[in-house]
Amino acid sequence: MTKDTISIALAAEGLTPSQDTFTLPEEREAIFLVAAPGDVLPVNKVVRVELRDKALCLHTVKDEHFWFTYDLVLGLRVLAAKLGKERLAGFAK
């Protein structure tokens, strides 16, 4: 993928960048699929994406930072906002 493609995909999800950094709201997260030798590495629970000139940095919920060149990114998946479930104690009618 390219920097522009990733930017367009994140913008299509309703995210707006602040100086080439996309921050996902608390109820959303993304999964990036990255090429690894002979395999595909999923980077889960991404909450912030920094788009630099030649590489991108993925920040996860666990405060991990992953740096990749754009050509290694195969795709991304943005999870929908989680809806709060109403729970009832005891028996529900």
PDB file of N, CA and C in Angstrom:
ATOM      1  N   MET A   1       0.852  -1.175   0.000  1.00  0.00           N
ATOM      2  CA  MET A   1       0.000   0.000   0.000  1.00  0.00           C
ATOM      3  C   MET A   1       0.900   1.241   0.000  1.00  0.00           C
ATOM      4  N   THR A   2       0.318   2.345  -0.348  1.00  0.00           N
ATOM      5  CA  THR A   2       1.053   3.603  -0.332  1.00  0.00           C
ATOM      6  C   THR A   2       0.537   4.478   0.794  1.00  0.00           C
ATOM      7  N   LYS A   3       1.261   5.536   1.073  1.00  0.00           N
ATOM      8  CA  LYS A   3       0.838   6.493   2.107  1.00  0.00           C
ATOM      9  C   LYS A   3      -0.535   7.066   1.762  1.00  0.00           C
ATOM     10  N   ASP A   4      -0.738   7.406   0.500  1.00  0.00           N
ATOM     11  CA  ASP A   4      -2.024   7.973   0.072  1.00  0.00           C
ATOM     12  C   ASP A   4      -3.162   6.972   0.221  1.00  0.00           C
ATOM     13  N   THR A   5      -2.912   5.713  -0.122  1.00  0.00           N
ATOM     14  CA  THR A   5      -3.948   4.687  -0.019  1.00  0.00           C
ATOM     15  C   THR A   5      -4.378   4.484   1.424  1.00  0.00           C
ATOM     16  N   ILE A   6      -3.429   4.415   2.329  1.00  0.00           N
ATOM     17  CA  ILE A   6      -3.747   4.245   3.747  1.00  0.00           C
ATOM     18  C   ILE A   6      -4.499   5.462   4.268  1.00  0.00           C
ATOM     19  N   SER A   7      -4.068   6.641   3.867  1.00  0.00           N
ATOM     20  CA  SER A   7      -4.735   7.876   4.285  1.00  0.00           C
ATOM     21  C   SER A   7      -6.178   7.926   3.781  1.00  0.00           C
ATOM     22  N   ILE A   8      -6.395   7.538   2.537  1.00  0.00           N
ATOM     23  CA  ILE A   8      -7.741   7.524   1.956  1.00  0.00           C
ATOM     24  C   ILE A   8      -8.626   6.502   2.674  1.00  0.00           C
ATOM     25  N   ALA A   9      -8.070   5.325   2.970  1.00  0.00           N
ATOM     26  CA  ALA A   9      -8.846   4.282   3.655  1.00  0.00           C
ATOM     27  C   ALA A   9      -9.258   4.723   5.054  1.00  0.00           C
ATOM     28  N   LEU A  10      -8.344   5.336   5.792  1.00  0.00           N
ATOM     29  CA  LEU A  10      -8.676   5.796   7.148  1.00  0.00           C
ATOM     30  C   LEU A  10      -9.659   6.964   7.112  1.00  0.00           C
ATOM     31  N   ALA A  11      -9.506   7.853   6.140  1.00  0.00           N
ATOM     32  CA  ALA A  11     -10.443   8.970   5.993  1.00  0.00           C
ATOM     33  C   ALA A  11     -11.839   8.467   5.623  1.00  0.00           C
ATOM     34  N   ALA A  12     -11.905   7.391   4.832  1.00  0.00           N
ATOM     35  CA  ALA A  12     -13.199   6.811   4.452  1.00  0.00           C
ATOM     36  C   ALA A  12     -13.921   6.236   5.663  1.00  0.00           C
ATOM     37  N   GLU A  13     -13.183   5.908   6.713  1.00  0.00           N
ATOM     38  CA  GLU A  13     -13.782   5.402   7.950  1.00  0.00           C
ATOM     39  C   GLU A  13     -14.224   6.539   8.875  1.00  0.00           C
ATOM     40  N   GLY A  14     -14.109   7.773   8.399  1.00  0.00           N
ATOM     41  CA  GLY A  14     -14.544   8.918   9.184  1.00  0.00           C
ATOM     42  C   GLY A  14     -13.476   9.481  10.103  1.00  0.00           C
ATOM     43  N   LEU A  15     -12.232   9.062   9.909  1.00  0.00           N
ATOM     44  CA  LEU A  15     -11.137   9.557  10.743  1.00  0.00           C
ATOM     45  C   LEU A  15     -10.479  10.745  10.065  1.00  0.00           C
ATOM     46  N   THR A  16     -10.127  11.758  10.839  1.00  0.00           N
ATOM     47  CA  THR A  16      -9.466  12.929  10.284  1.00  0.00           C
ATOM     48  C   THR A  16      -8.049  13.013  10.845  1.00  0.00           C
ATOM     49  N   PRO A  17      -7.081  13.283   9.971  1.00  0.00           N
ATOM     50  CA  PRO A  17      -5.692  13.324  10.441  1.00  0.00           C
ATOM     51  C   PRO A  17      -5.350  14.653  11.099  1.00  0.00           C
ATOM     52  N   SER A  18      -4.401  14.583  11.992  1.00  0.00           N
ATOM     53  CA  SER A  18      -3.802  15.766  12.581  1.00  0.00           C
ATOM     54  C   SER A  18      -2.321  15.674  12.288  1.00  0.00           C
ATOM     55  N   GLN A  19      -1.851  16.412  11.291  1.00  0.00           N
ATOM     56  CA  GLN A  19      -0.460  16.386  10.834  1.00  0.00           C
ATOM     57  C   GLN A  19      -0.021  14.966  10.488  1.00  0.00           C
ATOM     58  N   ASP A  20      -0.749  14.303   9.615  1.00  0.00           N
ATOM     59  CA  ASP A  20      -0.459  12.940   9.137  1.00  0.00           C
ATOM     60  C   ASP A  20      -0.511  11.879  10.229  1.00  0.00           C
ATOM     61  N   THR A  21      -1.229  12.147  11.304  1.00  0.00           N
ATOM     62  CA  THR A  21      -1.435  11.160  12.368  1.00  0.00           C
ATOM     63  C   THR A  21      -2.924  10.945  12.548  1.00  0.00           C
ATOM     64  N   PHE A  22      -3.342   9.699  12.403  1.00  0.00           N
ATOM     65  CA  PHE A  22      -4.738   9.326  12.608  1.00  0.00           C
ATOM     66  C   PHE A  22      -4.866   8.697  13.988  1.00  0.00           C
ATOM     67  N   THR A  23      -5.753   9.226  14.809  1.00  0.00           N
ATOM     68  CA  THR A  23      -6.029   8.654  16.124  1.00  0.00           C
ATOM     69  C   THR A  23      -7.441   8.099  16.098  1.00  0.00           C
ATOM     70  N   LEU A  24      -7.557   6.827  16.419  1.00  0.00           N
ATOM     71  CA  LEU A  24      -8.866   6.188  16.420  1.00  0.00           C
ATOM     72  C   LEU A  24      -9.564   6.455  17.743  1.00  0.00           C
ATOM     73  N   PRO A  25     -10.875   6.677  17.718  1.00  0.00           N
ATOM     74  CA  PRO A  25     -11.611   6.874  18.961  1.00  0.00           C
ATOM     75  C   PRO A  25     -11.513   5.640  19.857  1.00  0.00           C
ATOM     76  N   GLU A  26     -11.798   5.818  21.125  1.00  0.00           N
ATOM     77  CA  GLU A  26     -11.655   4.744  22.107  1.00  0.00           C
ATOM     78  C   GLU A  26     -12.455   3.496  21.758  1.00  0.00           C
ATOM     79  N   GLU A  27     -13.607   3.652  21.125  1.00  0.00           N
ATOM     80  CA  GLU A  27     -14.463   2.496  20.827  1.00  0.00           C
ATOM     81  C   GLU A  27     -14.094   1.814  19.510  1.00  0.00           C
ATOM     82  N   ARG A  28     -13.050   2.305  18.808  1.00  0.00           N
ATOM     83  CA  ARG A  28     -12.645   1.705  17.531  1.00  0.00           C
ATOM     84  C   ARG A  28     -11.201   1.260  17.603  1.00  0.00           C
ATOM     85  N   GLU A  29     -10.856   0.321  16.749  1.00  0.00           N
ATOM     86  CA  GLU A  29      -9.471  -0.112  16.620  1.00  0.00           C
ATOM     87  C   GLU A  29      -9.273  -0.672  15.222  1.00  0.00           C
ATOM     88  N   ALA A  30      -8.027  -0.796  14.830  1.00  0.00           N
ATOM     89  CA  ALA A  30      -7.708  -1.278  13.492  1.00  0.00           C
ATOM     90  C   ALA A  30      -6.746  -2.451  13.586  1.00  0.00           C
ATOM     91  N   ILE A  31      -6.744  -3.256  12.534  1.00  0.00           N
ATOM     92  CA  ILE A  31      -5.815  -4.360  12.380  1.00  0.00           C
ATOM     93  C   ILE A  31      -5.097  -4.151  11.050  1.00  0.00           C
ATOM     94  N   PHE A  32      -3.776  -4.100  11.087  1.00  0.00           N
ATOM     95  CA  PHE A  32      -2.987  -3.953   9.873  1.00  0.00           C
ATOM     96  C   PHE A  32      -2.362  -5.294   9.524  1.00  0.00           C
ATOM     97  N   LEU A  33      -2.424  -5.665   8.262  1.00  0.00           N
ATOM     98  CA  LEU A  33      -1.804  -6.896   7.770  1.00  0.00           C
ATOM     99  C   LEU A  33      -0.501  -6.517   7.079  1.00  0.00           C
ATOM    100  N   VAL A  34       0.601  -7.092   7.580  1.00  0.00           N
ATOM    101  CA  VAL A  34       1.927  -6.723   7.110  1.00  0.00           C
ATOM    102  C   VAL A  34       2.633  -7.963   6.565  1.00  0.00           C
ATOM    103  N   ALA A  35       3.355  -7.790   5.473  1.00  0.00           N
ATOM    104  CA  ALA A  35       4.094  -8.900   4.864  1.00  0.00           C
ATOM    105  C   ALA A  35       5.301  -9.254   5.718  1.00  0.00           C
ATOM    106  N   ALA A  36       5.439 -10.538   5.986  1.00  0.00           N
ATOM    107  CA  ALA A  36       6.603 -11.088   6.675  1.00  0.00           C
ATOM    108  C   ALA A  36       7.132 -12.204   5.786  1.00  0.00           C
ATOM    109  N   PRO A  37       8.403 -12.553   5.899  1.00  0.00           N
ATOM    110  CA  PRO A  37       8.936 -13.605   5.027  1.00  0.00           C
ATOM    111  C   PRO A  37       8.123 -14.897   5.120  1.00  0.00           C
ATOM    112  N   GLY A  38       7.392 -15.216   4.065  1.00  0.00           N
ATOM    113  CA  GLY A  38       6.611 -16.443   4.002  1.00  0.00           C
ATOM    114  C   GLY A  38       5.338 -16.428   4.827  1.00  0.00           C
ATOM    115  N   ASP A  39       4.932 -15.288   5.332  1.00  0.00           N
ATOM    116  CA  ASP A  39       3.754 -15.234   6.210  1.00  0.00           C
ATOM    117  C   ASP A  39       3.149 -13.832   6.169  1.00  0.00           C
ATOM    118  N   VAL A  40       2.005 -13.677   6.814  1.00  0.00           N
ATOM    119  CA  VAL A  40       1.365 -12.385   6.981  1.00  0.00           C
ATOM    120  C   VAL A  40       1.246 -12.125   8.474  1.00  0.00           C
ATOM    121  N   LEU A  41       1.753 -10.984   8.920  1.00  0.00           N
ATOM    122  CA  LEU A  41       1.742 -10.614  10.329  1.00  0.00           C
ATOM    123  C   LEU A  41       0.599  -9.644  10.595  1.00  0.00           C
ATOM    124  N   PRO A  42      -0.371 -10.012  11.436  1.00  0.00           N
ATOM    125  CA  PRO A  42      -1.402  -9.039  11.800  1.00  0.00           C
ATOM    126  C   PRO A  42      -0.918  -8.199  12.986  1.00  0.00           C
ATOM    127  N   VAL A  43      -1.060  -6.894  12.869  1.00  0.00           N
ATOM    128  CA  VAL A  43      -0.778  -5.996  13.994  1.00  0.00           C
ATOM    129  C   VAL A  43      -2.140  -5.574  14.525  1.00  0.00           C
ATOM    130  N   ASN A  44      -2.505  -6.142  15.678  1.00  0.00           N
ATOM    131  CA  ASN A  44      -3.843  -5.964  16.248  1.00  0.00           C
ATOM    132  C   ASN A  44      -3.931  -4.762  17.177  1.00  0.00           C
ATOM    133  N   LYS A  45      -5.156  -4.315  17.368  1.00  0.00           N
ATOM    134  CA  LYS A  45      -5.501  -3.264  18.323  1.00  0.00           C
ATOM    135  C   LYS A  45      -4.706  -1.984  18.120  1.00  0.00           C
ATOM    136  N   VAL A  46      -4.620  -1.549  16.863  1.00  0.00           N
ATOM    137  CA  VAL A  46      -3.945  -0.296  16.530  1.00  0.00           C
ATOM    138  C   VAL A  46      -4.889   0.858  16.858  1.00  0.00           C
ATOM    139  N   VAL A  47      -4.388   1.822  17.620  1.00  0.00           N
ATOM    140  CA  VAL A  47      -5.213   2.961  18.013  1.00  0.00           C
ATOM    141  C   VAL A  47      -4.696   4.289  17.458  1.00  0.00           C
ATOM    142  N   ARG A  48      -3.457   4.281  16.920  1.00  0.00           N
ATOM    143  CA  ARG A  48      -2.909   5.495  16.309  1.00  0.00           C
ATOM    144  C   ARG A  48      -1.980   5.106  15.164  1.00  0.00           C
ATOM    145  N   VAL A  49      -2.078   5.845  14.072  1.00  0.00           N
ATOM    146  CA  VAL A  49      -1.273   5.580  12.879  1.00  0.00           C
ATOM    147  C   VAL A  49      -0.561   6.873  12.498  1.00  0.00           C
ATOM    148  N   GLU A  50       0.771   6.830  12.499  1.00  0.00           N
ATOM    149  CA  GLU A  50       1.573   7.977  12.070  1.00  0.00           C
ATOM    150  C   GLU A  50       2.095   7.699  10.680  1.00  0.00           C
ATOM    151  N   LEU A  51       1.763   8.550   9.730  1.00  0.00           N
ATOM    152  CA  LEU A  51       2.220   8.404   8.357  1.00  0.00           C
ATOM    153  C   LEU A  51       3.409   9.322   8.135  1.00  0.00           C
ATOM    154  N   ARG A  52       4.598   8.747   8.038  1.00  0.00           N
ATOM    155  CA  ARG A  52       5.823   9.520   7.799  1.00  0.00           C
ATOM    156  C   ARG A  52       6.153   9.480   6.314  1.00  0.00           C
ATOM    157  N   ASP A  53       7.263  10.092   5.925  1.00  0.00           N
ATOM    158  CA  ASP A  53       7.621  10.142   4.508  1.00  0.00           C
ATOM    159  C   ASP A  53       7.860   8.761   3.905  1.00  0.00           C
ATOM    160  N   LYS A  54       8.675   7.938   4.551  1.00  0.00           N
ATOM    161  CA  LYS A  54       9.046   6.651   3.969  1.00  0.00           C
ATOM    162  C   LYS A  54       8.568   5.454   4.770  1.00  0.00           C
ATOM    163  N   ALA A  55       7.962   5.690   5.920  1.00  0.00           N
ATOM    164  CA  ALA A  55       7.505   4.589   6.787  1.00  0.00           C
ATOM    165  C   ALA A  55       6.311   5.049   7.601  1.00  0.00           C
ATOM    166  N   LEU A  56       5.634   4.060   8.201  1.00  0.00           N
ATOM    167  CA  LEU A  56       4.536   4.389   9.094  1.00  0.00           C
ATOM    168  C   LEU A  56       4.778   3.726  10.438  1.00  0.00           C
ATOM    169  N   CYS A  57       4.221   4.350  11.476  1.00  0.00           N
ATOM    170  CA  CYS A  57       4.354   3.816  12.830  1.00  0.00           C
ATOM    171  C   CYS A  57       2.953   3.486  13.332  1.00  0.00           C
ATOM    172  N   LEU A  58       2.790   2.246  13.789  1.00  0.00           N
ATOM    173  CA  LEU A  58       1.509   1.781  14.320  1.00  0.00           C
ATOM    174  C   LEU A  58       1.617   1.707  15.843  1.00  0.00           C
ATOM    175  N   HIS A  59       0.735   2.394  16.544  1.00  0.00           N
ATOM    176  CA  HIS A  59       0.695   2.383  18.001  1.00  0.00           C
ATOM    177  C   HIS A  59      -0.474   1.502  18.437  1.00  0.00           C
ATOM    178  N   THR A  60      -0.219   0.573  19.335  1.00  0.00           N
ATOM    179  CA  THR A  60      -1.271  -0.330  19.791  1.00  0.00           C
ATOM    180  C   THR A  60      -1.781   0.076  21.171  1.00  0.00           C
ATOM    181  N   VAL A  61      -2.836  -0.612  21.601  1.00  0.00           N
ATOM    182  CA  VAL A  61      -3.427  -0.375  22.917  1.00  0.00           C
ATOM    183  C   VAL A  61      -2.402  -0.610  24.026  1.00  0.00           C
ATOM    184  N   LYS A  62      -1.499  -1.551  23.791  1.00  0.00           N
ATOM    185  CA  LYS A  62      -0.485  -1.909  24.796  1.00  0.00           C
ATOM    186  C   LYS A  62       0.722  -0.971  24.761  1.00  0.00           C
ATOM    187  N   ASP A  63       0.607   0.156  24.058  1.00  0.00           N
ATOM    188  CA  ASP A  63       1.679   1.140  23.906  1.00  0.00           C
ATOM    189  C   ASP A  63       2.905   0.549  23.200  1.00  0.00           C
ATOM    190  N   GLU A  64       2.652  -0.389  22.285  1.00  0.00           N
ATOM    191  CA  GLU A  64       3.702  -0.929  21.436  1.00  0.00           C
ATOM    192  C   GLU A  64       3.785  -0.064  20.182  1.00  0.00           C
ATOM    193  N   HIS A  65       4.973   0.072  19.624  1.00  0.00           N
ATOM    194  CA  HIS A  65       5.178   0.837  18.395  1.00  0.00           C
ATOM    195  C   HIS A  65       5.797  -0.076  17.347  1.00  0.00           C
ATOM    196  N   PHE A  66       5.154  -0.172  16.200  1.00  0.00           N
ATOM    197  CA  PHE A  66       5.642  -0.980  15.094  1.00  0.00           C
ATOM    198  C   PHE A  66       5.931  -0.056  13.920  1.00  0.00           C
ATOM    199  N   TRP A  67       7.142  -0.131  13.378  1.00  0.00           N
ATOM    200  CA  TRP A  67       7.534   0.666  12.226  1.00  0.00           C
ATOM    201  C   TRP A  67       7.642  -0.237  10.997  1.00  0.00           C
ATOM    202  N   PHE A  68       7.013   0.191   9.893  1.00  0.00           N
ATOM    203  CA  PHE A  68       7.059  -0.563   8.643  1.00  0.00           C
ATOM    204  C   PHE A  68       7.202   0.402   7.479  1.00  0.00           C
ATOM    205  N   THR A  69       7.821  -0.078   6.403  1.00  0.00           N
ATOM    206  CA  THR A  69       7.790   0.687   5.164  1.00  0.00           C
ATOM    207  C   THR A  69       6.431   0.428   4.505  1.00  0.00           C
ATOM    208  N   TYR A  70       5.997   1.347   3.697  1.00  0.00           N
ATOM    209  CA  TYR A  70       4.666   1.256   3.109  1.00  0.00           C
ATOM    210  C   TYR A  70       4.482   0.022   2.227  1.00  0.00           C
ATOM    211  N   ASP A  71       5.547  -0.416   1.564  1.00  0.00           N
ATOM    212  CA  ASP A  71       5.407  -1.560   0.664  1.00  0.00           C
ATOM    213  C   ASP A  71       5.146  -2.868   1.398  1.00  0.00           C
ATOM    214  N   LEU A  72       5.382  -2.920   2.712  1.00  0.00           N
ATOM    215  CA  LEU A  72       5.120  -4.139   3.481  1.00  0.00           C
ATOM    216  C   LEU A  72       3.674  -4.250   3.957  1.00  0.00           C
ATOM    217  N   VAL A  73       2.941  -3.152   3.928  1.00  0.00           N
ATOM    218  CA  VAL A  73       1.542  -3.161   4.381  1.00  0.00           C
ATOM    219  C   VAL A  73       0.668  -3.717   3.271  1.00  0.00           C
ATOM    220  N   LEU A  74      -0.010  -4.817   3.577  1.00  0.00           N
ATOM    221  CA  LEU A  74      -0.863  -5.486   2.593  1.00  0.00           C
ATOM    222  C   LEU A  74      -2.309  -4.991   2.655  1.00  0.00           C
ATOM    223  N   GLY A  75      -2.759  -4.623   3.837  1.00  0.00           N
ATOM    224  CA  GLY A  75      -4.136  -4.177   3.990  1.00  0.00           C
ATOM    225  C   GLY A  75      -4.414  -3.774   5.416  1.00  0.00           C
ATOM    226  N   LEU A  76      -5.594  -3.242   5.639  1.00  0.00           N
ATOM    227  CA  LEU A  76      -5.997  -2.868   6.986  1.00  0.00           C
ATOM    228  C   LEU A  76      -7.475  -3.117   7.167  1.00  0.00           C
ATOM    229  N   ARG A  77      -7.829  -3.329   8.407  1.00  0.00           N
ATOM    230  CA  ARG A  77      -9.228  -3.583   8.771  1.00  0.00           C
ATOM    231  C   ARG A  77      -9.557  -2.686   9.955  1.00  0.00           C
ATOM    232  N   VAL A  78     -10.606  -1.878   9.808  1.00  0.00           N
ATOM    233  CA  VAL A  78     -11.044  -1.006  10.897  1.00  0.00           C
ATOM    234  C   VAL A  78     -12.317  -1.591  11.466  1.00  0.00           C
ATOM    235  N   LEU A  79     -12.284  -1.900  12.753  1.00  0.00           N
ATOM    236  CA  LEU A  79     -13.441  -2.509  13.408  1.00  0.00           C
ATOM    237  C   LEU A  79     -14.480  -1.450  13.743  1.00  0.00           C
ATOM    238  N   ALA A  80     -15.729  -1.817  13.601  1.00  0.00           N
ATOM    239  CA  ALA A  80     -16.828  -0.910  13.900  1.00  0.00           C
ATOM    240  C   ALA A  80     -16.875  -0.610  15.390  1.00  0.00           C
ATOM    241  N   ALA A  81     -17.513   0.486  15.723  1.00  0.00           N
ATOM    242  CA  ALA A  81     -17.659   0.862  17.129  1.00  0.00           C
ATOM    243  C   ALA A  81     -18.463  -0.200  17.856  1.00  0.00           C
ATOM    244  N   LYS A  82     -18.015  -0.525  19.047  1.00  0.00           N
ATOM    245  CA  LYS A  82     -18.718  -1.526  19.853  1.00  0.00           C
ATOM    246  C   LYS A  82     -19.917  -0.874  20.514  1.00  0.00           C
ATOM    247  N   LEU A  83     -21.054  -1.498  20.346  1.00  0.00           N
ATOM    248  CA  LEU A  83     -22.263  -0.991  20.985  1.00  0.00           C
ATOM    249  C   LEU A  83     -22.365  -1.568  22.383  1.00  0.00           C
ATOM    250  N   GLY A  84     -22.720  -0.732  23.330  1.00  0.00           N
ATOM    251  CA  GLY A  84     -22.878  -1.207  24.699  1.00  0.00           C
ATOM    252  C   GLY A  84     -24.070  -2.143  24.805  1.00  0.00           C
ATOM    253  N   LYS A  85     -23.870  -3.284  25.418  1.00  0.00           N
ATOM    254  CA  LYS A  85     -24.962  -4.236  25.584  1.00  0.00           C
ATOM    255  C   LYS A  85     -25.666  -3.957  26.902  1.00  0.00           C
ATOM    256  N   GLU A  86     -26.969  -4.011  26.833  1.00  0.00           N
ATOM    257  CA  GLU A  86     -27.751  -3.811  28.043  1.00  0.00           C
ATOM    258  C   GLU A  86     -27.863  -5.142  28.769  1.00  0.00           C
ATOM    259  N   ARG A  87     -27.390  -5.178  29.982  1.00  0.00           N
ATOM    260  CA  ARG A  87     -27.439  -6.417  30.767  1.00  0.00           C
ATOM    261  C   ARG A  87     -28.431  -6.246  31.904  1.00  0.00           C
ATOM    262  N   LEU A  88     -29.189  -7.303  32.090  1.00  0.00           N
ATOM    263  CA  LEU A  88     -30.183  -7.280  33.156  1.00  0.00           C
ATOM    264  C   LEU A  88     -29.822  -8.324  34.205  1.00  0.00           C
ATOM    265  N   ALA A  89     -29.965  -7.968  35.455  1.00  0.00           N
ATOM    266  CA  ALA A  89     -29.705  -8.925  36.521  1.00  0.00           C
ATOM    267  C   ALA A  89     -30.956  -9.784  36.721  1.00  0.00           C
ATOM    268  N   GLY A  90     -30.767 -11.057  36.938  1.00  0.00           N
ATOM    269  CA  GLY A  90     -31.899 -11.935  37.167  1.00  0.00           C
ATOM    270  C   GLY A  90     -32.571 -12.347  35.873  1.00  0.00           C
ATOM    271  N   PHE A  91     -33.854 -12.561  35.944  1.00  0.00           N
ATOM    272  CA  PHE A  91     -34.604 -13.010  34.770  1.00  0.00           C
ATOM    273  C   PHE A  91     -35.211 -11.814  34.050  1.00  0.00           C
ATOM    274  N   ALA A  92     -35.062 -11.815  32.745  1.00  0.00           N
ATOM    275  CA  ALA A  92     -35.631 -10.728  31.940  1.00  0.00           C
ATOM    276  C   ALA A  92     -36.961 -11.189  31.363  1.00  0.00           C
ATOM    277  N   LYS A  93     -37.854 -10.253  31.208  1.00  0.00           N
ATOM    278  CA  LYS A  93     -39.168 -10.570  30.627  1.00  0.00           C
ATOM    279  C   LYS A  93     -39.148 -10.435  29.148  1.00  0.00           C
TER     280      LYS A  93
END
